[in-house]
C-alpha cells in the first residue's frame, strides 16, 4: 500500500469517527505514537457497555520510556468519561510483548477469541478486558469487610 493511499484511508477513517477517541502523541514536533478507540465495539452485545481500544502504536525508538503507558491511560480515561463500564482490546495471540503490556496495565484475557486474516494467513486473536467504571467496587467492599473484621 502506498503512503498516499494510507494517508487517504486515515483521513476517511478519522472524518467518520465523530466522538470516538483518536490521539496523536508528539515529541519535539515529531509524531511518535497514536491510539484510536471505538465507543461502539464490533461485538453488538457490548454496545453501550464497553469501549474498544482499536490501535495503540508507539515508534520503536520511543518504547521503554513510559510513553505507551501514558497514551494508553489517556485513551482509557476518555472511554471511562464516556460512561463505558469495560474496555476491551484485541491482541494477536503470538504478540507476547503486546500481551505483556496489556497484562501489566491490568487487562486480562476474557476467553473470547477470533481469527483475523492478513492476506492468506490466519492469525488467532485474543480479547483482553478490564473494568473502567465498575458497577460494584469489589475492592472497596473487601476493604470495608477487612476494617469491620479488625473492629470486632
Protein backbone atom coordinates (compact mmCIF):
# COMPACT_ATOMS: atom_id res chain seq x y z
CA UNK A 1 0.00 0.00 0.00
CA UNK A 2 1.38 3.40 -0.92
CA UNK A 3 1.88 6.20 1.62
CA UNK A 4 -0.62 8.42 -0.24
CA UNK A 5 -3.22 5.62 -0.18
CA UNK A 6 -2.62 5.03 3.52
CA UNK A 7 -2.94 8.77 4.22
CA UNK A 8 -6.24 8.90 2.30
CA UNK A 9 -7.57 5.89 4.23
CA UNK A 10 -6.66 7.58 7.54
CA UNK A 11 -8.32 10.84 6.51
CA UNK A 12 -11.52 8.97 5.67
CA UNK A 13 -11.41 6.97 8.87
CA UNK A 14 -10.81 9.98 11.11
CA UNK A 15 -13.51 12.04 9.40
CA UNK A 16 -16.06 9.31 10.26
CA UNK A 17 -15.01 8.96 13.91
CA UNK A 18 -17.08 11.86 15.24
CA UNK A 19 -16.87 11.43 19.01
CA UNK A 20 -14.66 8.33 19.08
CA UNK A 21 -11.28 8.98 20.68
CA UNK A 22 -8.20 9.26 18.47
CA UNK A 23 -4.94 10.60 19.85
CA UNK A 24 -1.60 11.52 18.31
CA UNK A 25 1.47 11.68 20.53
CA UNK A 26 4.16 14.11 19.51
CA UNK A 27 7.61 14.82 20.87
CA UNK A 28 9.59 17.82 19.64
CA UNK A 29 7.14 18.25 16.74
CA UNK A 30 7.56 14.64 15.61
CA UNK A 31 4.71 12.10 15.62
CA UNK A 32 5.86 9.21 17.81
CA UNK A 33 2.64 7.33 18.53
CA UNK A 34 -1.11 7.17 18.23
CA UNK A 35 -4.14 5.47 19.72
CA UNK A 36 -7.65 5.01 18.41
CA UNK A 37 -10.70 3.73 20.22
CA UNK A 38 -14.32 2.95 19.49
CA UNK A 39 -17.26 3.74 21.72
CA UNK A 40 -19.23 1.03 19.91
CA UNK A 41 -17.20 -2.19 19.58
CA UNK A 42 -17.88 -4.64 16.76
CA UNK A 43 -19.44 -7.05 19.26
CA UNK A 44 -23.05 -5.83 19.38
CA UNK A 45 -23.63 -7.47 22.78
CA UNK A 46 -21.22 -4.92 24.29
CA UNK A 47 -22.92 -1.79 22.87
CA UNK A 48 -23.10 0.94 25.46
CA UNK A 49 -21.18 -1.20 27.96
CA UNK A 50 -17.64 -1.43 26.60
CA UNK A 51 -15.28 0.75 24.65
CA UNK A 52 -12.60 -0.78 22.48
CA UNK A 53 -9.01 0.34 22.07
CA UNK A 54 -8.57 -0.49 18.42
CA UNK A 55 -5.00 0.62 17.82
CA UNK A 56 -2.09 1.62 20.02
CA UNK A 57 1.23 2.30 18.34
CA UNK A 58 4.49 3.79 19.53
CA UNK A 59 7.59 4.28 17.39
CA UNK A 60 10.15 1.60 18.33
CA UNK A 61 12.69 4.29 19.19
CA UNK A 62 10.35 5.57 21.93
CA UNK A 63 9.47 2.26 23.59
CA UNK A 64 10.56 1.78 27.19
CA UNK A 65 10.10 5.38 28.31
CA UNK A 66 6.54 5.13 29.65
CA UNK A 67 5.02 6.91 26.65
CA UNK A 68 2.93 3.91 25.60
CA UNK A 69 1.53 3.57 29.11
CA UNK A 70 0.69 7.28 29.16
CA UNK A 71 -1.02 7.13 25.77
CA UNK A 72 -2.97 4.03 26.80
CA UNK A 73 -4.01 5.61 30.12
CA UNK A 74 -5.18 8.74 28.29
CA UNK A 75 -7.29 6.61 25.94
CA UNK A 76 -8.77 4.62 28.85
CA UNK A 77 -9.64 7.86 30.62
CA UNK A 78 -11.58 9.04 27.58
CA UNK A 79 -13.51 5.76 27.42
CA UNK A 80 -14.25 5.93 31.16
CA UNK A 81 -15.52 9.52 30.81
CA UNK A 82 -17.83 8.33 28.03
CA UNK A 83 -19.59 6.14 30.62
CA UNK A 84 -18.34 2.77 29.41
CA UNK A 85 -18.04 0.09 32.09
CA UNK A 86 -15.40 -2.02 30.37
CA UNK A 87 -12.53 -1.67 27.96
CA UNK A 88 -11.64 -4.39 25.50
CA UNK A 89 -8.56 -4.83 23.34
CA UNK A 90 -7.99 -7.50 20.70
CA UNK A 91 -4.38 -8.76 20.67
CA UNK A 92 -2.62 -11.20 18.36
CA UNK A 93 -2.01 -14.37 20.36
CA UNK A 94 1.56 -14.53 19.03
CA UNK A 95 2.34 -10.95 20.14
CA UNK A 96 3.71 -11.72 23.60
CA UNK A 97 5.14 -8.21 24.03
CA UNK A 98 1.72 -6.59 23.48
CA UNK A 99 0.01 -9.16 25.70
CA UNK A 100 2.52 -8.44 28.48
CA UNK A 101 1.91 -4.70 28.04
CA UNK A 102 -1.85 -5.07 28.47
CA UNK A 103 -1.49 -7.51 31.36
CA UNK A 104 0.81 -5.06 33.16
CA UNK A 105 -1.89 -2.42 32.59
CA UNK A 106 -4.41 -4.65 34.40
CA UNK A 107 -6.25 -6.23 31.46
CA UNK A 108 -6.84 -9.97 31.33
CA UNK A 109 -7.93 -12.38 28.59
CA UNK A 110 -11.69 -12.84 28.93
CA UNK A 111 -11.93 -16.05 26.90
CA UNK A 112 -13.17 -14.56 23.63
CA UNK A 113 -11.10 -15.35 20.54
CA UNK A 114 -11.35 -14.76 16.80
CA UNK A 115 -9.28 -15.30 13.69
CA UNK A 116 -8.05 -12.30 11.68
CA UNK A 117 -6.69 -12.78 8.19
CA UNK A 118 -3.65 -10.95 6.88
CA UNK A 119 -3.52 -11.84 3.23
CA UNK A 120 -3.97 -15.60 3.06
CA UNK A 121 -2.59 -16.18 6.57
CA UNK A 122 -4.94 -16.69 9.56
CA UNK A 123 -3.91 -15.35 12.98
CA UNK A 124 -5.54 -16.14 16.32
CA UNK A 125 -6.57 -13.04 18.25
CA UNK A 126 -7.43 -12.88 21.98
CA UNK A 127 -9.75 -10.40 23.64
CA UNK A 128 -8.43 -8.69 26.77
CA UNK A 129 -10.73 -6.75 29.09
CA UNK A 130 -10.73 -4.65 32.25
CA UNK A 131 -13.25 -2.66 34.25
CA UNK A 132 -13.36 1.10 33.69
CA UNK A 133 -16.41 2.15 35.70
CA UNK A 134 -17.37 -0.87 37.78
CA UNK A 135 -20.96 -1.06 38.92
CA UNK A 136 -19.74 -2.61 42.17
CA UNK A 137 -16.34 -1.67 43.58
CA UNK A 138 -15.31 -5.04 44.96
CA UNK A 139 -12.02 -3.59 46.21
CA UNK A 140 -13.88 -1.10 48.41
CA UNK A 141 -16.19 -3.84 49.67
CA UNK A 142 -13.21 -6.00 50.62
CA UNK A 143 -11.53 -3.10 52.43
CA UNK A 144 -14.74 -2.37 54.35
CA UNK A 145 -15.12 -6.03 55.32
CA UNK A 146 -11.49 -6.16 56.41
CA UNK A 147 -11.92 -2.99 58.51
CA UNK A 148 -15.07 -4.44 60.11
CA UNK A 149 -13.17 -7.62 60.98
CA UNK A 150 -10.46 -5.65 62.79
CA UNK A 151 -13.09 -3.67 64.76
CA UNK A 152 -14.51 -6.86 66.28
